[in-house]
PDB file of N, CA and C in Angstrom:
ATOM      1  N   MET A   1     -13.527  19.389 -51.778  1.00  0.00           N
ATOM      2  CA  MET A   1     -14.381  18.275 -51.407  1.00  0.00           C
ATOM      3  C   MET A   1     -14.874  17.613 -52.697  1.00  0.00           C
ATOM      4  N   THR A   2     -14.795  16.325 -52.738  1.00  0.00           N
ATOM      5  CA  THR A   2     -15.158  15.612 -53.957  1.00  0.00           C
ATOM      6  C   THR A   2     -16.631  15.219 -53.955  1.00  0.00           C
ATOM      7  N   ARG A   3     -17.038  14.629 -55.036  1.00  0.00           N
ATOM      8  CA  ARG A   3     -18.447  14.352 -55.282  1.00  0.00           C
ATOM      9  C   ARG A   3     -19.070  13.437 -54.227  1.00  0.00           C
ATOM     10  N   TYR A   4     -18.446  12.320 -53.926  1.00  0.00           N
ATOM     11  CA  TYR A   4     -19.031  11.372 -52.976  1.00  0.00           C
ATOM     12  C   TYR A   4     -18.961  11.877 -51.538  1.00  0.00           C
ATOM     13  N   THR A   5     -17.904  12.595 -51.217  1.00  0.00           N
ATOM     14  CA  THR A   5     -17.802  13.190 -49.883  1.00  0.00           C
ATOM     15  C   THR A   5     -18.880  14.236 -49.698  1.00  0.00           C
ATOM     16  N   LEU A   6     -19.080  15.053 -50.707  1.00  0.00           N
ATOM     17  CA  LEU A   6     -20.136  16.058 -50.648  1.00  0.00           C
ATOM     18  C   LEU A   6     -21.507  15.398 -50.544  1.00  0.00           C
ATOM     19  N   ALA A   7     -21.708  14.306 -51.251  1.00  0.00           N
ATOM     20  CA  ALA A   7     -22.980  13.583 -51.179  1.00  0.00           C
ATOM     21  C   ALA A   7     -23.202  13.014 -49.787  1.00  0.00           C
ATOM     22  N   SER A   8     -22.142  12.562 -49.150  1.00  0.00           N
ATOM     23  CA  SER A   8     -22.258  12.014 -47.800  1.00  0.00           C
ATOM     24  C   SER A   8     -22.753  13.072 -46.828  1.00  0.00           C
ATOM     25  N   PHE A   9     -22.159  14.257 -46.877  1.00  0.00           N
ATOM     26  CA  PHE A   9     -22.583  15.338 -45.989  1.00  0.00           C
ATOM     27  C   PHE A   9     -23.952  15.898 -46.381  1.00  0.00           C
ATOM     28  N   ALA A  10     -24.236  15.941 -47.676  1.00  0.00           N
ATOM     29  CA  ALA A  10     -25.528  16.460 -48.130  1.00  0.00           C
ATOM     30  C   ALA A  10     -26.672  15.548 -47.686  1.00  0.00           C
ATOM     31  N   LEU A  11     -26.463  14.258 -47.736  1.00  0.00           N
ATOM     32  CA  LEU A  11     -27.508  13.331 -47.301  1.00  0.00           C
ATOM     33  C   LEU A  11     -27.705  13.381 -45.786  1.00  0.00           C
ATOM     34  N   LEU A  12     -26.631  13.627 -45.042  1.00  0.00           N
ATOM     35  CA  LEU A  12     -26.773  13.824 -43.609  1.00  0.00           C
ATOM     36  C   LEU A  12     -27.563  15.099 -43.324  1.00  0.00           C
ATOM     37  N   ALA A  13     -27.290  16.156 -44.081  1.00  0.00           N
ATOM     38  CA  ALA A  13     -28.048  17.402 -43.930  1.00  0.00           C
ATOM     39  C   ALA A  13     -29.506  17.206 -44.334  1.00  0.00           C
ATOM     40  N   LEU A  14     -29.757  16.388 -45.337  1.00  0.00           N
ATOM     41  CA  LEU A  14     -31.125  16.089 -45.736  1.00  0.00           C
ATOM     42  C   LEU A  14     -31.876  15.371 -44.622  1.00  0.00           C
ATOM     43  N   ALA A  15     -31.222  14.421 -43.966  1.00  0.00           N
ATOM     44  CA  ALA A  15     -31.845  13.721 -42.840  1.00  0.00           C
ATOM     45  C   ALA A  15     -32.142  14.698 -41.706  1.00  0.00           C
ATOM     46  N   LEU A  16     -31.228  15.640 -41.465  1.00  0.00           N
ATOM     47  CA  LEU A  16     -31.463  16.655 -40.444  1.00  0.00           C
ATOM     48  C   LEU A  16     -32.644  17.541 -40.839  1.00  0.00           C
ATOM     49  N   GLY A  17     -32.743  17.882 -42.113  1.00  0.00           N
ATOM     50  CA  GLY A  17     -33.885  18.673 -42.587  1.00  0.00           C
ATOM     51  C   GLY A  17     -35.193  17.931 -42.420  1.00  0.00           C
ATOM     52  N   PHE A  18     -35.197  16.637 -42.739  1.00  0.00           N
ATOM     53  CA  PHE A  18     -36.403  15.830 -42.517  1.00  0.00           C
ATOM     54  C   PHE A  18     -36.774  15.786 -41.043  1.00  0.00           C
ATOM     55  N   LEU A  19     -35.771  15.691 -40.167  1.00  0.00           N
ATOM     56  CA  LEU A  19     -36.035  15.686 -38.731  1.00  0.00           C
ATOM     57  C   LEU A  19     -36.707  16.981 -38.298  1.00  0.00           C
ATOM     58  N   LEU A  20     -36.194  18.099 -38.765  1.00  0.00           N
ATOM     59  CA  LEU A  20     -36.780  19.386 -38.391  1.00  0.00           C
ATOM     60  C   LEU A  20     -38.193  19.545 -38.929  1.00  0.00           C
ATOM     61  N   VAL A  21     -38.408  19.147 -40.177  1.00  0.00           N
ATOM     62  CA  VAL A  21     -39.743  19.279 -40.771  1.00  0.00           C
ATOM     63  C   VAL A  21     -40.753  18.392 -40.066  1.00  0.00           C
ATOM     64  N   THR A  22     -40.374  17.138 -39.825  1.00  0.00           N
ATOM     65  CA  THR A  22     -41.326  16.233 -39.178  1.00  0.00           C
ATOM     66  C   THR A  22     -41.545  16.597 -37.716  1.00  0.00           C
ATOM     67  N   SER A  23     -40.534  17.162 -37.069  1.00  0.00           N
ATOM     68  CA  SER A  23     -40.686  17.516 -35.658  1.00  0.00           C
ATOM     69  C   SER A  23     -41.546  18.753 -35.459  1.00  0.00           C
ATOM     70  N   PHE A  24     -41.345  19.754 -36.290  1.00  0.00           N
ATOM     71  CA  PHE A  24     -42.020  21.030 -36.062  1.00  0.00           C
ATOM     72  C   PHE A  24     -43.315  21.197 -36.835  1.00  0.00           C
ATOM     73  N   PHE A  25     -43.351  20.750 -38.063  1.00  0.00           N
ATOM     74  CA  PHE A  25     -44.498  21.058 -38.908  1.00  0.00           C
ATOM     75  C   PHE A  25     -45.498  19.910 -39.026  1.00  0.00           C
ATOM     76  N   LEU A  26     -45.045  18.683 -38.942  1.00  0.00           N
ATOM     77  CA  LEU A  26     -45.930  17.545 -39.153  1.00  0.00           C
ATOM     78  C   LEU A  26     -46.236  16.784 -37.873  1.00  0.00           C
ATOM     79  N   ASP A  27     -45.838  17.314 -36.731  1.00  0.00           N
ATOM     80  CA  ASP A  27     -45.989  16.582 -35.474  1.00  0.00           C
ATOM     81  C   ASP A  27     -47.447  16.280 -35.162  1.00  0.00           C
ATOM     82  N   ALA A  28     -48.330  17.239 -35.350  1.00  0.00           N
ATOM     83  CA  ALA A  28     -49.744  17.028 -35.023  1.00  0.00           C
ATOM     84  C   ALA A  28     -50.389  16.016 -35.966  1.00  0.00           C
ATOM     85  N   SER A  29     -50.036  16.066 -37.249  1.00  0.00           N
ATOM     86  CA  SER A  29     -50.655  15.132 -38.186  1.00  0.00           C
ATOM     87  C   SER A  29     -50.079  13.716 -38.041  1.00  0.00           C
ATOM     88  N   LEU A  30     -48.840  13.597 -37.582  1.00  0.00           N
ATOM     89  CA  LEU A  30     -48.259  12.274 -37.374  1.00  0.00           C
ATOM     90  C   LEU A  30     -48.766  11.612 -36.107  1.00  0.00           C
ATOM     91  N   ALA A  31     -49.300  12.406 -35.181  1.00  0.00           N
ATOM     92  CA  ALA A  31     -49.767  11.847 -33.907  1.00  0.00           C
ATOM     93  C   ALA A  31     -50.958  10.924 -34.102  1.00  0.00           C
ATOM     94  N   GLY A  32     -51.757  11.136 -35.141  1.00  0.00           N
ATOM     95  CA  GLY A  32     -52.926  10.309 -35.379  1.00  0.00           C
ATOM     96  C   GLY A  32     -52.635   8.997 -36.086  1.00  0.00           C
ATOM     97  N   LEU A  33     -51.426   8.820 -36.562  1.00  0.00           N
ATOM     98  CA  LEU A  33     -51.066   7.595 -37.277  1.00  0.00           C
ATOM     99  C   LEU A  33     -50.739   6.468 -36.306  1.00  0.00           C
ATOM    100  N   PRO A  34     -50.901   5.237 -36.731  1.00  0.00           N
ATOM    101  CA  PRO A  34     -50.466   4.102 -35.898  1.00  0.00           C
ATOM    102  C   PRO A  34     -48.947   4.149 -35.685  1.00  0.00           C
ATOM    103  N   SER A  35     -48.496   3.546 -34.613  1.00  0.00           N
ATOM    104  CA  SER A  35     -47.069   3.609 -34.290  1.00  0.00           C
ATOM    105  C   SER A  35     -46.203   2.909 -35.340  1.00  0.00           C
ATOM    106  N   SER A  36     -46.728   1.867 -35.972  1.00  0.00           N
ATOM    107  CA  SER A  36     -45.932   1.204 -37.020  1.00  0.00           C
ATOM    108  C   SER A  36     -45.739   2.125 -38.224  1.00  0.00           C
ATOM    109  N   ALA A  37     -46.761   2.893 -38.568  1.00  0.00           N
ATOM    110  CA  ALA A  37     -46.624   3.848 -39.672  1.00  0.00           C
ATOM    111  C   ALA A  37     -45.643   4.959 -39.300  1.00  0.00           C
ATOM    112  N   GLN A  38     -45.686   5.397 -38.043  1.00  0.00           N
ATOM    113  CA  GLN A  38     -44.744   6.421 -37.594  1.00  0.00           C
ATOM    114  C   GLN A  38     -43.314   5.901 -37.668  1.00  0.00           C
ATOM    115  N   ARG A  39     -43.111   4.648 -37.317  1.00  0.00           N
ATOM    116  CA  ARG A  39     -41.770   4.074 -37.390  1.00  0.00           C
ATOM    117  C   ARG A  39     -41.276   3.983 -38.826  1.00  0.00           C
ATOM    118  N   TRP A  40     -42.152   3.567 -39.749  1.00  0.00           N
ATOM    119  CA  TRP A  40     -41.740   3.485 -41.151  1.00  0.00           C
ATOM    120  C   TRP A  40     -41.413   4.860 -41.710  1.00  0.00           C
ATOM    121  N   ILE A  41     -42.186   5.862 -41.339  1.00  0.00           N
ATOM    122  CA  ILE A  41     -41.882   7.226 -41.773  1.00  0.00           C
ATOM    123  C   ILE A  41     -40.542   7.656 -41.203  1.00  0.00           C
ATOM    124  N   GLY A  42     -40.282   7.289 -39.944  1.00  0.00           N
ATOM    125  CA  GLY A  42     -38.993   7.603 -39.336  1.00  0.00           C
ATOM    126  C   GLY A  42     -37.843   6.917 -40.034  1.00  0.00           C
ATOM    127  N   VAL A  43     -38.029   5.667 -40.400  1.00  0.00           N
ATOM    128  CA  VAL A  43     -36.963   4.936 -41.106  1.00  0.00           C
ATOM    129  C   VAL A  43     -36.698   5.567 -42.464  1.00  0.00           C
ATOM    130  N   ILE A  44     -37.747   5.888 -43.188  1.00  0.00           N
ATOM    131  CA  ILE A  44     -37.586   6.446 -44.534  1.00  0.00           C
ATOM    132  C   ILE A  44     -36.984   7.844 -44.495  1.00  0.00           C
ATOM    133  N   THR A  45     -37.404   8.664 -43.534  1.00  0.00           N
ATOM    134  CA  THR A  45     -36.944  10.057 -43.525  1.00  0.00           C
ATOM    135  C   THR A  45     -35.670  10.284 -42.723  1.00  0.00           C
ATOM    136  N   LEU A  46     -35.372   9.451 -41.742  1.00  0.00           N
ATOM    137  CA  LEU A  46     -34.210   9.695 -40.891  1.00  0.00           C
ATOM    138  C   LEU A  46     -33.056   8.727 -41.143  1.00  0.00           C
ATOM    139  N   ILE A  47     -33.360   7.461 -41.325  1.00  0.00           N
ATOM    140  CA  ILE A  47     -32.291   6.472 -41.426  1.00  0.00           C
ATOM    141  C   ILE A  47     -31.851   6.247 -42.869  1.00  0.00           C
ATOM    142  N   LEU A  48     -32.786   6.203 -43.804  1.00  0.00           N
ATOM    143  CA  LEU A  48     -32.432   5.917 -45.200  1.00  0.00           C
ATOM    144  C   LEU A  48     -31.477   6.958 -45.801  1.00  0.00           C
ATOM    145  N   PRO A  49     -31.720   8.282 -45.642  1.00  0.00           N
ATOM    146  CA  PRO A  49     -30.741   9.234 -46.196  1.00  0.00           C
ATOM    147  C   PRO A  49     -29.352   9.102 -45.561  1.00  0.00           C
ATOM    148  N   ALA A  50     -29.314   8.864 -44.251  1.00  0.00           N
ATOM    149  CA  ALA A  50     -28.022   8.704 -43.594  1.00  0.00           C
ATOM    150  C   ALA A  50     -27.327   7.417 -44.041  1.00  0.00           C
ATOM    151  N   LEU A  51     -28.096   6.378 -44.307  1.00  0.00           N
ATOM    152  CA  LEU A  51     -27.515   5.136 -44.813  1.00  0.00           C
ATOM    153  C   LEU A  51     -26.910   5.354 -46.199  1.00  0.00           C
ATOM    154  N   LEU A  52     -27.606   6.096 -47.035  1.00  0.00           N
ATOM    155  CA  LEU A  52     -27.061   6.422 -48.356  1.00  0.00           C
ATOM    156  C   LEU A  52     -25.825   7.309 -48.233  1.00  0.00           C
ATOM    157  N   GLY A  53     -25.837   8.220 -47.257  1.00  0.00           N
ATOM    158  CA  GLY A  53     -24.654   9.047 -47.006  1.00  0.00           C
ATOM    159  C   GLY A  53     -23.473   8.221 -46.538  1.00  0.00           C
ATOM    160  N   PHE A  54     -23.743   7.223 -45.698  1.00  0.00           N
ATOM    161  CA  PHE A  54     -22.702   6.302 -45.250  1.00  0.00           C
ATOM    162  C   PHE A  54     -22.096   5.564 -46.452  1.00  0.00           C
ATOM    163  N   LEU A  55     -22.955   5.078 -47.336  1.00  0.00           N
ATOM    164  CA  LEU A  55     -22.466   4.366 -48.522  1.00  0.00           C
ATOM    165  C   LEU A  55     -21.674   5.295 -49.442  1.00  0.00           C
ATOM    166  N   SER A  56     -22.093   6.558 -49.548  1.00  0.00           N
ATOM    167  CA  SER A  56     -21.336   7.521 -50.350  1.00  0.00           C
ATOM    168  C   SER A  56     -19.954   7.762 -49.759  1.00  0.00           C
ATOM    169  N   GLY A  57     -19.876   7.826 -48.446  1.00  0.00           N
ATOM    170  CA  GLY A  57     -18.575   7.979 -47.800  1.00  0.00           C
ATOM    171  C   GLY A  57     -17.675   6.775 -48.024  1.00  0.00           C
ATOM    172  N   ILE A  58     -18.255   5.586 -47.980  1.00  0.00           N
ATOM    173  CA  ILE A  58     -17.477   4.365 -48.245  1.00  0.00           C
ATOM    174  C   ILE A  58     -16.942   4.388 -49.675  1.00  0.00           C
ATOM    175  N   ILE A  59     -17.767   4.799 -50.619  1.00  0.00           N
ATOM    176  CA  ILE A  59     -17.317   4.878 -52.018  1.00  0.00           C
ATOM    177  C   ILE A  59     -16.192   5.891 -52.154  1.00  0.00           C
ATOM    178  N   ALA A  60     -16.294   7.017 -51.426  1.00  0.00           N
ATOM    179  CA  ALA A  60     -15.238   8.031 -51.488  1.00  0.00           C
ATOM    180  C   ALA A  60     -13.926   7.488 -50.943  1.00  0.00           C
ATOM    181  N   VAL A  61     -13.982   6.694 -49.887  1.00  0.00           N
ATOM    182  CA  VAL A  61     -12.756   6.120 -49.320  1.00  0.00           C
ATOM    183  C   VAL A  61     -12.184   5.054 -50.252  1.00  0.00           C
ATOM    184  N   ILE A  62     -13.057   4.235 -50.834  1.00  0.00           N
ATOM    185  CA  ILE A  62     -12.585   3.184 -51.745  1.00  0.00           C
ATOM    186  C   ILE A  62     -11.927   3.794 -52.985  1.00  0.00           C
ATOM    187  N   ASN A  63     -12.500   4.886 -53.485  1.00  0.00           N
ATOM    188  CA  ASN A  63     -11.928   5.545 -54.666  1.00  0.00           C
ATOM    189  C   ASN A  63     -10.682   6.356 -54.344  1.00  0.00           C
ATOM    190  N   GLN A  64     -10.308   6.438 -53.085  1.00  0.00           N
ATOM    191  CA  GLN A  64      -9.138   7.178 -52.624  1.00  0.00           C
ATOM    192  C   GLN A  64      -9.134   8.606 -53.166  1.00  0.00           C
ATOM    193  N   GLU A  65     -10.219   9.300 -52.895  1.00  0.00           N
ATOM    194  CA  GLU A  65     -10.328  10.687 -53.341  1.00  0.00           C
ATOM    195  C   GLU A  65      -9.451  11.582 -52.473  1.00  0.00           C
ATOM    196  N   ARG A  66      -9.288  12.825 -52.907  1.00  0.00           N
ATOM    197  CA  ARG A  66      -8.414  13.754 -52.207  1.00  0.00           C
ATOM    198  C   ARG A  66      -8.848  13.998 -50.770  1.00  0.00           C
ATOM    199  N   SER A  67     -10.116  14.056 -50.540  1.00  0.00           N
ATOM    200  CA  SER A  67     -10.621  14.433 -49.214  1.00  0.00           C
ATOM    201  C   SER A  67     -11.005  13.199 -48.397  1.00  0.00           C
ATOM    202  N   THR A  68     -10.097  12.255 -48.288  1.00  0.00           N
ATOM    203  CA  THR A  68     -10.370  11.036 -47.533  1.00  0.00           C
ATOM    204  C   THR A  68     -10.674  11.298 -46.060  1.00  0.00           C
ATOM    205  N   PRO A  69      -9.959  12.222 -45.372  1.00  0.00           N
ATOM    206  CA  PRO A  69     -10.331  12.494 -43.974  1.00  0.00           C
ATOM    207  C   PRO A  69     -11.753  13.037 -43.829  1.00  0.00           C
ATOM    208  N   LEU A  70     -12.186  13.866 -44.759  1.00  0.00           N
ATOM    209  CA  LEU A  70     -13.562  14.362 -44.713  1.00  0.00           C
ATOM    210  C   LEU A  70     -14.558  13.247 -44.993  1.00  0.00           C
ATOM    211  N   ALA A  71     -14.199  12.341 -45.886  1.00  0.00           N
ATOM    212  CA  ALA A  71     -15.076  11.199 -46.167  1.00  0.00           C
ATOM    213  C   ALA A  71     -15.200  10.318 -44.931  1.00  0.00           C
ATOM    214  N   ILE A  72     -14.094  10.120 -44.219  1.00  0.00           N
ATOM    215  CA  ILE A  72     -14.147   9.328 -42.994  1.00  0.00           C
ATOM    216  C   ILE A  72     -14.986  10.032 -41.940  1.00  0.00           C
ATOM    217  N   LEU A  73     -14.873  11.352 -41.845  1.00  0.00           N
ATOM    218  CA  LEU A  73     -15.719  12.118 -40.923  1.00  0.00           C
ATOM    219  C   LEU A  73     -17.187  11.967 -41.290  1.00  0.00           C
ATOM    220  N   GLY A  74     -17.498  12.006 -42.582  1.00  0.00           N
ATOM    221  CA  GLY A  74     -18.873  11.792 -43.025  1.00  0.00           C
ATOM    222  C   GLY A  74     -19.383  10.407 -42.669  1.00  0.00           C
ATOM    223  N   ILE A  75     -18.528   9.409 -42.806  1.00  0.00           N
ATOM    224  CA  ILE A  75     -18.911   8.042 -42.441  1.00  0.00           C
ATOM    225  C   ILE A  75     -19.224   7.960 -40.954  1.00  0.00           C
ATOM    226  N   VAL A  76     -18.357   8.533 -40.131  1.00  0.00           N
ATOM    227  CA  VAL A  76     -18.548   8.482 -38.682  1.00  0.00           C
ATOM    228  C   VAL A  76     -19.819   9.210 -38.271  1.00  0.00           C
ATOM    229  N   LEU A  77     -20.056  10.398 -38.832  1.00  0.00           N
ATOM    230  CA  LEU A  77     -21.264  11.149 -38.487  1.00  0.00           C
ATOM    231  C   LEU A  77     -22.527  10.417 -38.919  1.00  0.00           C
ATOM    232  N   ASN A  78     -22.487   9.819 -40.095  1.00  0.00           N
ATOM    233  CA  ASN A  78     -23.654   9.066 -40.558  1.00  0.00           C
ATOM    234  C   ASN A  78     -23.889   7.824 -39.705  1.00  0.00           C
ATOM    235  N   ILE A  79     -22.825   7.162 -39.268  1.00  0.00           N
ATOM    236  CA  ILE A  79     -22.983   5.996 -38.394  1.00  0.00           C
ATOM    237  C   ILE A  79     -23.600   6.416 -37.059  1.00  0.00           C
ATOM    238  N   LEU A  80     -23.120   7.519 -36.498  1.00  0.00           N
ATOM    239  CA  LEU A  80     -23.685   8.005 -35.240  1.00  0.00           C
ATOM    240  C   LEU A  80     -25.160   8.354 -35.395  1.00  0.00           C
ATOM    241  N   TRP A  81     -25.506   9.011 -36.504  1.00  0.00           N
ATOM    242  CA  TRP A  81     -26.898   9.378 -36.779  1.00  0.00           C
ATOM    243  C   TRP A  81     -27.765   8.126 -36.890  1.00  0.00           C
ATOM    244  N   ILE A  82     -27.310   7.162 -37.674  1.00  0.00           N
ATOM    245  CA  ILE A  82     -28.069   5.924 -37.872  1.00  0.00           C
ATOM    246  C   ILE A  82     -28.235   5.183 -36.551  1.00  0.00           C
ATOM    247  N   GLY A  83     -27.159   5.078 -35.796  1.00  0.00           N
ATOM    248  CA  GLY A  83     -27.230   4.369 -34.520  1.00  0.00           C
ATOM    249  C   GLY A  83     -28.185   5.021 -33.540  1.00  0.00           C
ATOM    250  N   PHE A  84     -28.102   6.347 -33.426  1.00  0.00           N
ATOM    251  CA  PHE A  84     -28.966   7.044 -32.476  1.00  0.00           C
ATOM    252  C   PHE A  84     -30.434   6.903 -32.858  1.00  0.00           C
ATOM    253  N   PHE A  85     -30.767   7.167 -34.106  1.00  0.00           N
ATOM    254  CA  PHE A  85     -32.177   7.128 -34.486  1.00  0.00           C
ATOM    255  C   PHE A  85     -32.706   5.702 -34.628  1.00  0.00           C
ATOM    256  N   SER A  86     -31.829   4.733 -34.844  1.00  0.00           N
ATOM    257  CA  SER A  86     -32.289   3.335 -34.794  1.00  0.00           C
ATOM    258  C   SER A  86     -32.705   2.979 -33.373  1.00  0.00           C
ATOM    259  N   LEU A  87     -31.921   3.424 -32.395  1.00  0.00           N
ATOM    260  CA  LEU A  87     -32.306   3.183 -31.005  1.00  0.00           C
ATOM    261  C   LEU A  87     -33.576   3.924 -30.633  1.00  0.00           C
ATOM    262  N   VAL A  88     -33.694   5.174 -31.073  1.00  0.00           N
ATOM    263  CA  VAL A  88     -34.906   5.949 -30.774  1.00  0.00           C
ATOM    264  C   VAL A  88     -36.137   5.269 -31.357  1.00  0.00           C
ATOM    265  N   LEU A  89     -36.041   4.834 -32.609  1.00  0.00           N
ATOM    266  CA  LEU A  89     -37.189   4.200 -33.250  1.00  0.00           C
ATOM    267  C   LEU A  89     -37.496   2.826 -32.670  1.00  0.00           C
ATOM    268  N   SER A  90     -36.499   2.142 -32.157  1.00  0.00           N
ATOM    269  CA  SER A  90     -36.767   0.838 -31.558  1.00  0.00           C
ATOM    270  C   SER A  90     -37.413   0.973 -30.185  1.00  0.00           C
ATOM    271  N   ILE A  91     -37.132   2.055 -29.484  1.00  0.00           N
ATOM    272  CA  ILE A  91     -37.709   2.266 -28.147  1.00  0.00           C
ATOM    273  C   ILE A  91     -39.075   2.941 -28.238  1.00  0.00           C
ATOM    274  N   ALA A  92     -39.227   3.868 -29.163  1.00  0.00           N
ATOM    275  CA  ALA A  92     -40.474   4.648 -29.259  1.00  0.00           C
ATOM    276  C   ALA A  92     -41.637   3.761 -29.657  1.00  0.00           C
ATOM    277  N   GLY A  93     -42.800   4.147 -29.226  1.00  0.00           N
ATOM    278  CA  GLY A  93     -43.991   3.433 -29.644  1.00  0.00           C
ATOM    279  C   GLY A  93     -44.673   2.846 -28.522  1.00  0.00           C
TER     280      GLY A  93
END
């Protein structure tokens, strides 16, 4: 696995880690915040890392690295993550 492909999956894992931390440990403290602040925290912690992972996957495909199928898988997973949580954040509140 090459550098950009690994970065794509690592950033997706980071977004998953942020989801777990905010869901389990910070849920009570986030409940007191206004909904707009909750949405911005969601965008920064859930969508931004996956967006960077998507861009890393695109760079891996453009550079024609050895693990192009894995880079494409990373792109698809990051797109699904971004799409799902964009819908969740647009509906929530």
